[in-house]
Amino acid sequence: MSASIQEPPAVEAGRTPTVVRLLVLATFVVILNETIMINAIPRLMDSLRITEQSAQWVSTAFMLTMAAVIPITGWFLQRVTTRQAYAIAMGVFLAGTVVSAVTPSFEVLLLGRIVQAAGTAVMMPLLMTTLMTVVPEHDRGRVMGNVTLAMSVAPALGPAVSGLVLQIGSWRLLFVVVLPIAALVALFGLRKLDNIGEPQVSAIDWLSVAVAALGFGGLVYGLSLFGESDGRVGLGVGIVIAGIATIAVFVIRQLKLQRTGVPLMDLRTLGHRTYGLSLALMSIGFLAMLGSMILLPLYLQHLRGLSPLETGLLVMPGGLAMGLLGPTVGKVFDRFGGRPLVLPGSIGMVLALGGFTQVSMTMPYWQVLGLHALLMVSLAATFTPVFTLGMGALPPHLYSHGSSMLGTFQQVAAAFGTALVVTVMSARTGHLVADGVAAVPAQLNGTKLAFGVAAALALLTIVVAAKLPRRIAAAGARNHGSADADPPAGGRPGQDEPVTANEI
């Protein structure tokens, strides 16, 4: 994904390069916005007079845009310098922030979020590409661990930051506060940032980009219509079917490009069993995480009467625990392998989501905090080992495709999860209200059912976790029979240089 590098700058051992520090700071600011609107959804519904299905699209649209843009970033970063990529990414993000702050309607707010997401999607690959280029291999684990910590804490702090801001003013203030911070980071970065590498001319299949965006976007949009009460279920079913058909066209297109050109996503990565299992487990994990992050503010604010600030503070410990445990999880993985972490993590995920099916109007808040913390800790124990095992199972020439596919599927799964849980909750609530049940008990019942659906899906992670190998070396041995259409020259499939946990 990176441009050709002629002379990597010399870096003192044990010291993080300035360019990486600047990119980490900028990436932290833009990633914070992926979850900053989740806590504002109840306020947004009242201000713009919209339903839960519409409100959740401020997060869903952000994630779907990330999923559509991330595969393009490899081509984009090859064609521009580091400073150009940084300037364009931050400029696009700032433009989206301005549009969102002054929006006169919900539709324009969605447009602003989409523009924000396009800039955010460029920053993450730019950071990782630059880091892998300028940091020596012997020092990469330490730097990558710090980067992972920062990137994990950013989305975790989103709900807490938004809760504090919403306590002061309206939801528009979220964008007004972010705007000058992002502008200062952008200006400071442009003054200090050096170019790493030189641009290259490369090609991209724009048909694949368009088909992927239409397919995944249509699937999630169609699902979001299921919970509407104005008879749009039939339309939703039609759009879902069209989305699935478009995704099938995308798959066929990629299979053809694998033989005649450069695919947007090389599906030969799925021929490696460990990678395929890792992709499935991480997708379900992101679905559960974002689904719960959408449901909890609705439950705590609409049903329990908490303020946005109180809601943010309640969920902040679990989010911080997830980020802070990252380096520890990496050390445990290096010593004991993946299965002792992933299997308990998957079980903890199911137990936490199952516990949320018992929410009530009188459940103690310490129980809500404990269940959320259990969910976040379980996800922390799962994500790093699974990512390491999955990428380590691939040959080096598929690393970029494997990373791109993981990032894309994470965003699609998160968007799918938010649409799914809100749809289930709204459909159940509407059905009970139509039967004469009061609004509050009906919504509480719908919330329980939505958590139940997420818990049922999370059960699949236990099955997948049991099939994952303990270590990457085992993955290589077990992948010898996988469908490898293009094995690395001079070696057997799966016998690649391993990726350590601290390098992820």
Protein backbone atom coordinates (compact mmCIF):
# COMPACT_ATOMS: atom_id res chain seq x y z
CA MET A 1 0.00 0.00 0.00
CA SER A 2 2.93 2.35 0.43
CA ALA A 3 4.82 4.28 -2.13
CA SER A 4 8.28 3.17 -3.12
CA ILE A 5 10.82 4.20 -0.48
CA GLN A 6 14.32 5.09 -1.56
CA GLU A 7 16.06 6.02 1.70
CA PRO A 8 14.17 5.59 4.96
CA PRO A 9 15.19 8.25 7.45
CA ALA A 10 17.50 7.18 10.24
CA VAL A 11 15.67 6.75 13.53
CA GLU A 12 17.32 6.58 16.93
CA ALA A 13 16.59 3.29 18.68
CA GLY A 14 13.90 3.58 21.37
CA ARG A 15 12.60 6.87 19.95
CA THR A 16 9.30 7.31 18.10
CA PRO A 17 9.80 9.27 14.85
CA THR A 18 8.22 12.73 14.78
CA VAL A 19 6.23 11.91 11.64
CA VAL A 20 4.60 8.96 13.42
CA ARG A 21 3.76 11.08 16.48
CA LEU A 22 2.09 13.69 14.29
CA LEU A 23 0.08 11.10 12.40
CA VAL A 24 -0.98 9.39 15.64
CA LEU A 25 -2.26 12.71 16.99
CA ALA A 26 -4.20 13.47 13.82
CA THR A 27 -5.59 9.94 13.60
CA PHE A 28 -6.69 10.06 17.25
CA VAL A 29 -8.69 13.24 16.57
CA VAL A 30 -10.45 11.90 13.48
CA ILE A 31 -11.15 8.41 14.88
CA LEU A 32 -12.76 9.98 17.95
CA ASN A 33 -15.55 11.11 15.63
CA GLU A 34 -16.53 7.57 14.68
CA THR A 35 -18.28 7.10 18.04
CA ILE A 36 -18.79 10.67 19.24
CA MET A 37 -22.36 10.84 17.87
CA ILE A 38 -23.57 7.61 19.50
CA ASN A 39 -24.32 9.29 22.81
CA ALA A 40 -26.08 12.15 21.00
CA ILE A 41 -28.64 9.97 19.23
CA PRO A 42 -31.49 10.54 21.74
CA ARG A 43 -30.85 14.33 21.62
CA LEU A 44 -30.67 14.18 17.83
CA MET A 45 -34.02 12.39 17.64
CA ASP A 46 -35.72 15.12 19.67
CA SER A 47 -34.00 18.03 17.88
CA LEU A 48 -34.57 16.90 14.29
CA ARG A 49 -37.78 14.93 14.95
CA ILE A 50 -36.46 11.68 13.51
CA THR A 51 -36.82 8.00 14.45
CA GLU A 52 -34.21 5.63 15.89
CA GLN A 53 -33.77 4.09 12.44
CA SER A 54 -32.88 7.47 10.94
CA ALA A 55 -30.75 8.66 13.88
CA GLN A 56 -28.52 5.60 13.91
CA TRP A 57 -27.44 6.44 10.35
CA VAL A 58 -25.18 9.24 11.68
CA SER A 59 -22.94 6.37 12.82
CA THR A 60 -23.92 3.80 10.17
CA ALA A 61 -23.19 6.16 7.27
CA PHE A 62 -19.80 6.98 8.80
CA MET A 63 -18.87 3.31 9.06
CA LEU A 64 -20.14 2.38 5.60
CA THR A 65 -18.17 5.24 4.06
CA MET A 66 -15.06 3.98 5.86
CA ALA A 67 -15.74 0.51 4.42
CA ALA A 68 -16.05 1.91 0.90
CA VAL A 69 -13.01 4.21 1.07
CA ILE A 70 -10.48 1.99 2.91
CA PRO A 71 -9.93 -0.33 -0.11
CA ILE A 72 -9.19 2.74 -2.27
CA THR A 73 -6.54 4.14 0.06
CA GLY A 74 -3.82 1.78 -1.17
CA TRP A 75 -4.15 3.19 -4.68
CA PHE A 76 -4.47 6.76 -3.37
CA LEU A 77 -1.38 6.64 -1.14
CA GLN A 78 0.73 5.34 -4.02
CA ARG A 79 -0.14 8.36 -6.17
CA VAL A 80 0.54 11.21 -3.69
CA THR A 81 3.25 12.27 -1.26
CA THR A 82 2.91 11.96 2.51
CA ARG A 83 2.23 15.69 2.93
CA GLN A 84 -0.34 15.68 0.12
CA ALA A 85 -2.16 12.69 1.60
CA TYR A 86 -2.15 14.34 5.05
CA ALA A 87 -3.38 17.68 3.69
CA ILE A 88 -6.16 16.09 1.64
CA ALA A 89 -7.31 13.78 4.45
CA MET A 90 -7.41 16.53 7.09
CA GLY A 91 -8.92 19.02 4.63
CA VAL A 92 -11.74 16.64 3.74
CA PHE A 93 -12.32 15.87 7.43
CA LEU A 94 -12.48 19.59 8.30
CA ALA A 95 -14.93 20.23 5.44
CA GLY A 96 -17.21 17.47 6.72
CA THR A 97 -17.01 18.88 10.26
CA VAL A 98 -18.07 22.35 9.06
CA VAL A 99 -20.99 20.93 7.07
CA SER A 100 -22.14 18.91 10.10
CA ALA A 101 -21.91 21.90 12.44
CA VAL A 102 -24.05 24.23 10.29
CA THR A 103 -26.42 21.61 8.87
CA PRO A 104 -30.01 22.82 8.39
CA SER A 105 -31.43 19.29 8.12
CA PHE A 106 -30.76 15.64 8.91
CA GLU A 107 -29.93 14.88 5.27
CA VAL A 108 -27.17 17.50 5.22
CA LEU A 109 -25.87 16.16 8.55
CA LEU A 110 -25.54 12.73 6.93
CA LEU A 111 -23.61 14.30 4.05
CA GLY A 112 -21.24 15.96 6.51
CA ARG A 113 -20.65 12.67 8.34
CA ILE A 114 -19.91 10.92 5.05
CA VAL A 115 -17.33 13.58 4.14
CA GLN A 116 -15.79 13.28 7.62
CA ALA A 117 -15.51 9.52 7.21
CA ALA A 118 -13.77 9.85 3.85
CA GLY A 119 -10.97 11.84 5.48
CA THR A 120 -10.77 9.48 8.46
CA ALA A 121 -10.46 6.43 6.21
CA VAL A 122 -7.29 7.85 4.64
CA MET A 123 -5.57 8.72 7.93
CA MET A 124 -5.41 5.20 9.36
CA PRO A 125 -3.67 3.52 6.37
CA LEU A 126 -1.41 6.58 6.02
CA LEU A 127 -0.30 6.17 9.63
CA MET A 128 0.30 2.42 9.37
CA THR A 129 2.10 2.69 6.01
CA THR A 130 4.43 5.43 7.27
CA LEU A 131 5.12 3.59 10.52
CA MET A 132 6.09 0.38 8.73
CA THR A 133 8.44 2.42 6.54
CA VAL A 134 10.30 4.66 9.00
CA VAL A 135 10.45 2.50 12.14
CA PRO A 136 13.19 -0.19 12.22
CA GLU A 137 11.93 -3.73 12.55
CA HIS A 138 13.57 -4.25 15.96
CA ASP A 139 11.74 -1.19 17.35
CA ARG A 140 8.43 -1.67 15.56
CA GLY A 141 6.72 -3.64 18.31
CA ARG A 142 7.13 -0.88 20.90
CA VAL A 143 5.90 1.85 18.56
CA MET A 144 3.02 -0.25 17.25
CA GLY A 145 1.92 -1.04 20.80
CA ASN A 146 1.68 2.65 21.65
CA VAL A 147 -0.19 3.36 18.41
CA THR A 148 -2.66 0.55 19.08
CA LEU A 149 -3.26 1.89 22.58
CA ALA A 150 -4.03 5.38 21.25
CA MET A 151 -6.28 4.09 18.48
CA SER A 152 -8.25 1.89 20.90
CA VAL A 153 -8.80 4.65 23.45
CA ALA A 154 -10.09 7.15 20.85
CA PRO A 155 -13.41 5.40 20.03
CA ALA A 156 -13.80 4.44 23.69
CA LEU A 157 -13.62 8.09 24.74
CA GLY A 158 -16.15 9.19 22.09
CA PRO A 159 -19.31 8.64 24.19
CA ALA A 160 -17.74 10.22 27.29
CA VAL A 161 -16.52 13.30 25.39
CA SER A 162 -19.89 13.73 23.70
CA GLY A 163 -21.66 13.36 27.07
CA LEU A 164 -19.58 16.19 28.54
CA VAL A 165 -20.17 18.46 25.55
CA LEU A 166 -23.91 17.69 25.40
CA GLN A 167 -24.17 18.67 29.05
CA ILE A 168 -23.06 22.17 28.02
CA GLY A 169 -24.98 22.69 24.78
CA SER A 170 -26.64 21.15 21.73
CA TRP A 171 -25.36 18.32 19.56
CA ARG A 172 -23.98 20.89 17.08
CA LEU A 173 -21.42 21.83 19.73
CA LEU A 174 -19.79 18.42 19.20
CA PHE A 175 -18.58 19.56 15.78
CA VAL A 176 -17.84 23.12 16.89
CA VAL A 177 -15.47 21.80 19.58
CA VAL A 178 -13.73 19.35 17.24
CA LEU A 179 -13.25 21.90 14.43
CA PRO A 180 -10.53 24.15 15.95
CA ILE A 181 -8.70 21.17 17.46
CA ALA A 182 -8.57 19.37 14.11
CA ALA A 183 -7.56 22.59 12.34
CA LEU A 184 -4.64 23.19 14.73
CA VAL A 185 -3.51 19.56 14.38
CA ALA A 186 -3.68 19.87 10.58
CA LEU A 187 -1.65 23.11 10.48
CA PHE A 188 0.95 21.86 12.96
CA GLY A 189 1.31 18.61 11.04
CA LEU A 190 1.82 20.37 7.71
CA ARG A 191 4.58 22.51 9.26
CA LYS A 192 6.47 19.56 10.73
CA LEU A 193 5.63 16.65 8.40
CA ASP A 194 8.23 15.34 5.95
CA ASN A 195 7.53 13.35 2.81
CA ILE A 196 8.26 9.63 3.05
CA GLY A 197 8.78 7.96 -0.32
CA GLU A 198 7.78 9.06 -3.82
CA PRO A 199 4.46 8.78 -5.69
CA GLN A 200 3.86 5.95 -8.13
CA VAL A 201 1.38 5.59 -10.98
CA SER A 202 -1.04 2.73 -10.31
CA ALA A 203 -4.47 1.55 -11.46
CA ILE A 204 -7.72 0.79 -9.66
CA ASP A 205 -10.90 -0.94 -10.79
CA TRP A 206 -13.54 1.72 -10.16
CA LEU A 207 -16.32 -0.69 -11.12
CA SER A 208 -15.37 -2.83 -8.10
CA VAL A 209 -15.44 0.24 -5.86
CA ALA A 210 -18.92 1.24 -7.05
CA VAL A 211 -20.33 -2.28 -6.85
CA ALA A 212 -18.96 -2.82 -3.33
CA ALA A 213 -20.42 0.48 -2.07
CA LEU A 214 -23.82 -0.25 -3.63
CA GLY A 215 -23.91 -3.85 -2.41
CA PHE A 216 -22.96 -3.35 1.23
CA GLY A 217 -24.76 -0.02 1.53
CA GLY A 218 -27.95 -1.46 0.03
CA LEU A 219 -27.85 -4.45 2.36
CA VAL A 220 -27.64 -2.32 5.50
CA TYR A 221 -30.13 0.30 4.28
CA GLY A 222 -32.66 -2.37 3.39
CA LEU A 223 -32.32 -3.92 6.83
CA SER A 224 -32.87 -0.52 8.48
CA LEU A 225 -36.30 -0.30 6.80
CA PHE A 226 -37.56 -3.47 8.50
CA GLY A 227 -38.41 -1.65 11.72
CA GLU A 228 -40.34 1.19 10.11
CA SER A 229 -44.00 1.37 11.02
CA ASP A 230 -45.25 2.80 7.73
CA GLY A 231 -45.39 -0.41 5.72
CA ARG A 232 -41.88 -0.20 4.21
CA VAL A 233 -40.91 -3.78 5.12
CA GLY A 234 -41.59 -4.94 1.57
CA LEU A 235 -39.31 -2.24 0.19
CA GLY A 236 -36.66 -3.24 2.73
CA VAL A 237 -36.79 -6.88 1.64
CA GLY A 238 -36.37 -5.84 -1.99
CA ILE A 239 -33.38 -3.63 -1.24
CA VAL A 240 -31.73 -6.36 0.87
CA ILE A 241 -32.11 -8.87 -1.97
CA ALA A 242 -30.70 -6.33 -4.44
CA GLY A 243 -27.79 -5.65 -2.08
CA ILE A 244 -26.96 -9.35 -1.79
CA ALA A 245 -27.14 -9.74 -5.57
CA THR A 246 -24.79 -6.76 -6.01
CA ILE A 247 -22.32 -8.25 -3.53
CA ALA A 248 -22.41 -11.46 -5.61
CA VAL A 249 -21.51 -9.39 -8.68
CA PHE A 250 -18.63 -7.86 -6.70
CA VAL A 251 -17.32 -11.32 -5.79
CA ILE A 252 -17.51 -12.50 -9.41
CA ARG A 253 -15.70 -9.34 -10.52
CA GLN A 254 -12.88 -9.94 -8.01
CA LEU A 255 -12.48 -13.56 -9.11
CA LYS A 256 -12.15 -12.39 -12.71
CA LEU A 257 -9.63 -9.66 -11.81
CA GLN A 258 -7.51 -12.21 -9.93
CA ARG A 259 -6.86 -13.91 -13.26
CA THR A 260 -6.53 -10.86 -15.52
CA GLY A 261 -5.59 -7.85 -13.40
CA VAL A 262 -5.37 -6.44 -9.87
CA PRO A 263 -8.49 -7.06 -7.74
CA LEU A 264 -9.76 -4.51 -5.27
CA MET A 265 -9.93 -7.36 -2.75
CA ASP A 266 -7.93 -10.51 -3.45
CA LEU A 267 -10.32 -13.28 -2.35
CA ARG A 268 -7.46 -15.80 -2.31
CA THR A 269 -6.95 -14.65 1.27
CA LEU A 270 -10.09 -16.61 2.14
CA GLY A 271 -8.38 -19.78 0.94
CA HIS A 272 -6.34 -19.65 4.15
CA ARG A 273 -8.51 -21.29 6.78
CA THR A 274 -7.13 -19.43 9.80
CA TYR A 275 -7.55 -16.07 8.09
CA GLY A 276 -11.15 -16.86 7.13
CA LEU A 277 -11.98 -17.87 10.70
CA SER A 278 -10.33 -14.71 12.04
CA LEU A 279 -12.28 -12.54 9.61
CA ALA A 280 -15.57 -14.11 10.71
CA LEU A 281 -14.80 -13.79 14.42
CA MET A 282 -13.70 -10.15 14.21
CA SER A 283 -16.73 -9.20 12.11
CA ILE A 284 -19.14 -10.69 14.65
CA GLY A 285 -17.18 -9.03 17.47
CA PHE A 286 -17.48 -5.60 15.88
CA LEU A 287 -21.17 -6.21 15.24
CA ALA A 288 -21.71 -6.95 18.94
CA MET A 289 -19.58 -4.02 20.14
CA LEU A 290 -21.21 -1.31 18.01
CA GLY A 291 -24.67 -2.80 18.51
CA SER A 292 -24.31 -2.53 22.28
CA MET A 293 -22.87 1.00 21.98
CA ILE A 294 -26.03 2.05 20.13
CA LEU A 295 -28.51 0.30 22.46
CA LEU A 296 -27.04 1.40 25.80
CA PRO A 297 -27.52 5.18 25.35
CA LEU A 298 -31.10 4.59 24.17
CA TYR A 299 -31.80 2.44 27.23
CA LEU A 300 -30.00 4.65 29.75
CA GLN A 301 -31.34 7.99 28.49
CA HIS A 302 -34.80 7.23 27.11
CA LEU A 303 -35.83 4.63 29.70
CA ARG A 304 -33.70 5.35 32.77
CA GLY A 305 -33.55 9.14 32.42
CA LEU A 306 -29.76 9.58 32.61
CA SER A 307 -28.14 12.63 31.07
CA PRO A 308 -25.68 12.28 28.17
CA LEU A 309 -22.80 13.04 30.55
CA GLU A 310 -23.91 10.40 33.05
CA THR A 311 -24.27 7.90 30.20
CA GLY A 312 -20.79 8.66 28.90
CA LEU A 313 -19.21 8.33 32.34
CA LEU A 314 -21.01 5.03 32.91
CA VAL A 315 -19.61 3.40 29.75
CA MET A 316 -16.18 5.06 29.86
CA PRO A 317 -14.52 2.56 32.27
CA GLY A 318 -15.25 -0.36 29.95
CA GLY A 319 -13.96 1.51 26.91
CA LEU A 320 -10.78 2.57 28.65
CA ALA A 321 -10.21 -0.96 29.93
CA MET A 322 -10.42 -2.26 26.37
CA GLY A 323 -7.76 0.18 25.19
CA LEU A 324 -5.42 -0.11 28.16
CA LEU A 325 -5.42 -3.92 28.06
CA GLY A 326 -4.06 -3.97 24.50
CA PRO A 327 -0.32 -4.16 25.36
CA THR A 328 -0.95 -6.74 28.12
CA VAL A 329 -2.97 -8.93 25.77
CA GLY A 330 -0.09 -8.78 23.28
CA LYS A 331 2.40 -10.00 25.90
CA VAL A 332 0.09 -12.83 26.98
CA PHE A 333 -0.36 -13.87 23.36
CA ASP A 334 3.40 -13.96 22.79
CA ARG A 335 3.83 -16.25 25.79
CA PHE A 336 0.78 -18.54 25.68
CA GLY A 337 -0.66 -18.23 22.16
CA GLY A 338 -4.10 -17.18 20.99
CA ARG A 339 -6.56 -19.81 22.18
CA PRO A 340 -6.18 -19.11 25.97
CA LEU A 341 -7.25 -15.54 25.19
CA VAL A 342 -9.74 -15.88 22.34
CA LEU A 343 -11.87 -18.69 23.77
CA PRO A 344 -12.45 -17.03 27.19
CA GLY A 345 -12.93 -13.71 25.40
CA SER A 346 -15.67 -15.16 23.19
CA ILE A 347 -17.40 -16.74 26.18
CA GLY A 348 -17.21 -13.43 28.08
CA MET A 349 -18.75 -11.64 25.11
CA VAL A 350 -21.74 -14.00 25.10
CA LEU A 351 -22.16 -13.74 28.89
CA ALA A 352 -22.12 -9.93 28.79
CA LEU A 353 -24.65 -9.67 25.97
CA GLY A 354 -26.77 -12.33 27.66
CA GLY A 355 -26.68 -10.27 30.85
CA PHE A 356 -27.97 -7.24 28.96
CA THR A 357 -31.10 -9.20 28.02
CA GLN A 358 -32.10 -8.83 31.70
CA VAL A 359 -32.08 -5.03 31.74
CA SER A 360 -35.01 -3.48 33.59
CA MET A 361 -36.21 -0.17 34.99
CA THR A 362 -34.62 -1.04 38.34
CA MET A 363 -31.35 -2.78 37.36
CA PRO A 364 -28.54 -1.25 39.49
CA TYR A 365 -26.21 0.94 37.49
CA TRP A 366 -23.18 -0.93 38.83
CA GLN A 367 -24.51 -4.04 37.09
CA VAL A 368 -24.81 -2.15 33.79
CA LEU A 369 -21.25 -0.86 34.25
CA GLY A 370 -20.01 -4.36 35.10
CA LEU A 371 -21.66 -5.98 32.08
CA HIS A 372 -20.30 -3.29 29.76
CA ALA A 373 -16.81 -3.65 31.25
CA LEU A 374 -17.01 -7.45 30.80
CA LEU A 375 -17.97 -6.98 27.16
CA MET A 376 -15.13 -4.55 26.47
CA VAL A 377 -12.50 -6.66 28.28
CA SER A 378 -13.69 -9.75 26.39
CA LEU A 379 -13.35 -7.91 23.09
CA ALA A 380 -9.86 -6.73 24.07
CA ALA A 381 -8.85 -10.33 24.78
CA THR A 382 -10.22 -11.34 21.38
CA PHE A 383 -9.29 -8.71 18.80
CA THR A 384 -5.47 -8.52 19.03
CA PRO A 385 -4.83 -12.32 19.03
CA VAL A 386 -7.37 -12.92 16.27
CA PHE A 387 -5.91 -10.18 14.08
CA THR A 388 -2.40 -11.52 14.67
CA LEU A 389 -3.34 -15.12 13.88
CA GLY A 390 -5.29 -14.15 10.78
CA MET A 391 -2.59 -11.96 9.25
CA GLY A 392 0.17 -14.37 10.24
CA ALA A 393 -1.56 -17.15 8.30
CA LEU A 394 -1.22 -15.22 5.01
CA PRO A 395 1.81 -15.18 2.69
CA PRO A 396 3.53 -11.77 2.52
CA HIS A 397 2.18 -10.88 -0.92
CA LEU A 398 -1.37 -11.01 0.47
CA TYR A 399 -0.74 -8.91 3.60
CA SER A 400 -2.11 -5.68 2.10
CA HIS A 401 -5.23 -7.42 0.77
CA GLY A 402 -5.78 -9.21 4.06
CA SER A 403 -5.46 -6.00 6.07
CA SER A 404 -7.75 -4.13 3.69
CA MET A 405 -10.39 -6.85 3.82
CA LEU A 406 -10.28 -7.00 7.62
CA GLY A 407 -10.69 -3.23 7.89
CA THR A 408 -13.53 -3.17 5.39
CA PHE A 409 -15.43 -6.06 6.94
CA GLN A 410 -15.04 -4.56 10.42
CA GLN A 411 -16.75 -1.38 9.29
CA VAL A 412 -19.48 -3.21 7.38
CA ALA A 413 -20.13 -5.52 10.33
CA ALA A 414 -20.32 -2.54 12.70
CA ALA A 415 -22.76 -0.77 10.38
CA PHE A 416 -24.76 -3.96 9.97
CA GLY A 417 -24.83 -4.42 13.75
CA THR A 418 -26.19 -0.94 14.45
CA ALA A 419 -28.91 -1.34 11.82
CA LEU A 420 -29.80 -4.84 13.03
CA VAL A 421 -30.23 -4.08 16.74
CA VAL A 422 -32.15 -0.83 16.17
CA THR A 423 -34.40 -2.58 13.65
CA VAL A 424 -35.15 -5.46 16.02
CA MET A 425 -35.79 -3.10 18.93
CA SER A 426 -38.07 -0.80 16.91
CA ALA A 427 -40.01 -3.64 15.28
CA ARG A 428 -40.67 -5.32 18.64
CA THR A 429 -41.60 -2.01 20.29
CA GLY A 430 -44.00 -1.07 17.50
CA HIS A 431 -45.64 -4.49 17.56
CA LEU A 432 -46.25 -4.33 21.33
CA VAL A 433 -47.56 -0.76 21.20
CA ALA A 434 -49.99 -1.81 18.48
CA ASP A 435 -51.20 -4.56 20.83
CA GLY A 436 -51.94 -2.01 23.55
CA VAL A 437 -48.73 -2.22 25.64
CA ALA A 438 -47.52 1.07 27.14
CA ALA A 439 -44.61 2.79 25.37
CA VAL A 440 -41.96 2.36 28.10
CA PRO A 441 -42.52 -1.38 28.75
CA ALA A 442 -42.72 -1.95 25.01
CA GLN A 443 -39.38 -0.26 24.36
CA LEU A 444 -37.78 -2.10 27.26
CA ASN A 445 -38.97 -5.40 25.81
CA GLY A 446 -37.64 -4.39 22.39
CA THR A 447 -34.25 -3.54 23.92
CA LYS A 448 -34.06 -6.94 25.60
CA LEU A 449 -34.85 -8.72 22.34
CA ALA A 450 -32.21 -6.71 20.46
CA PHE A 451 -29.56 -7.68 23.02
CA GLY A 452 -30.77 -11.28 22.74
CA VAL A 453 -30.24 -11.29 18.98
CA ALA A 454 -26.70 -9.92 19.47
CA ALA A 455 -25.99 -12.60 22.11
CA ALA A 456 -27.25 -15.34 19.79
CA LEU A 457 -24.92 -14.16 17.02
CA ALA A 458 -22.04 -13.95 19.50
CA LEU A 459 -22.47 -17.66 20.23
CA LEU A 460 -20.92 -18.25 16.83
CA THR A 461 -17.67 -16.69 18.04
CA ILE A 462 -17.21 -19.51 20.57
CA VAL A 463 -17.47 -22.08 17.79
CA VAL A 464 -15.00 -20.15 15.63
CA ALA A 465 -12.60 -19.54 18.54
CA ALA A 466 -12.43 -23.27 19.26
CA LYS A 467 -11.22 -23.87 15.69
CA LEU A 468 -8.43 -21.30 15.76
CA PRO A 469 -4.86 -22.54 16.33
CA ARG A 470 -2.90 -21.60 19.44
CA ARG A 471 -0.02 -19.99 17.57
CA ILE A 472 0.85 -18.73 14.10
CA ALA A 473 3.28 -21.61 13.56
CA ALA A 474 0.39 -23.99 14.06
CA ALA A 475 -1.61 -21.93 11.58
CA GLY A 476 1.05 -22.43 8.98
CA ALA A 477 1.07 -26.17 9.52
CA ARG A 478 -2.69 -26.43 9.34
CA ASN A 479 -2.99 -24.29 6.26
CA HIS A 480 -1.01 -26.64 4.07
CA GLY A 481 -4.22 -28.05 2.69
CA SER A 482 -6.03 -24.76 2.16
CA ALA A 483 -6.99 -23.45 -1.23
CA ASP A 484 -3.92 -21.48 -2.18
CA ALA A 485 -4.33 -20.22 -5.69
CA ASP A 486 -1.05 -18.31 -5.64
CA PRO A 487 1.43 -19.72 -3.08
CA PRO A 488 4.59 -17.75 -2.39
CA ALA A 489 7.55 -18.69 -4.53
CA GLY A 490 10.07 -20.99 -2.97
CA GLY A 491 7.90 -21.89 0.00
CA ARG A 492 4.82 -23.72 1.08
CA PRO A 493 1.52 -21.98 1.81
CA GLY A 494 1.41 -20.63 5.33
CA GLN A 495 5.15 -20.96 5.94
CA ASP A 496 5.58 -17.20 6.15
CA GLU A 497 7.50 -14.94 8.43
CA PRO A 498 5.22 -14.66 11.47
CA VAL A 499 3.68 -11.41 12.62
CA THR A 500 4.11 -10.91 16.35
CA ALA A 501 1.29 -9.67 18.54
CA ASN A 502 3.09 -6.45 19.31
CA GLU A 503 3.40 -5.61 15.61
CA ILE A 504 -0.33 -5.47 15.11
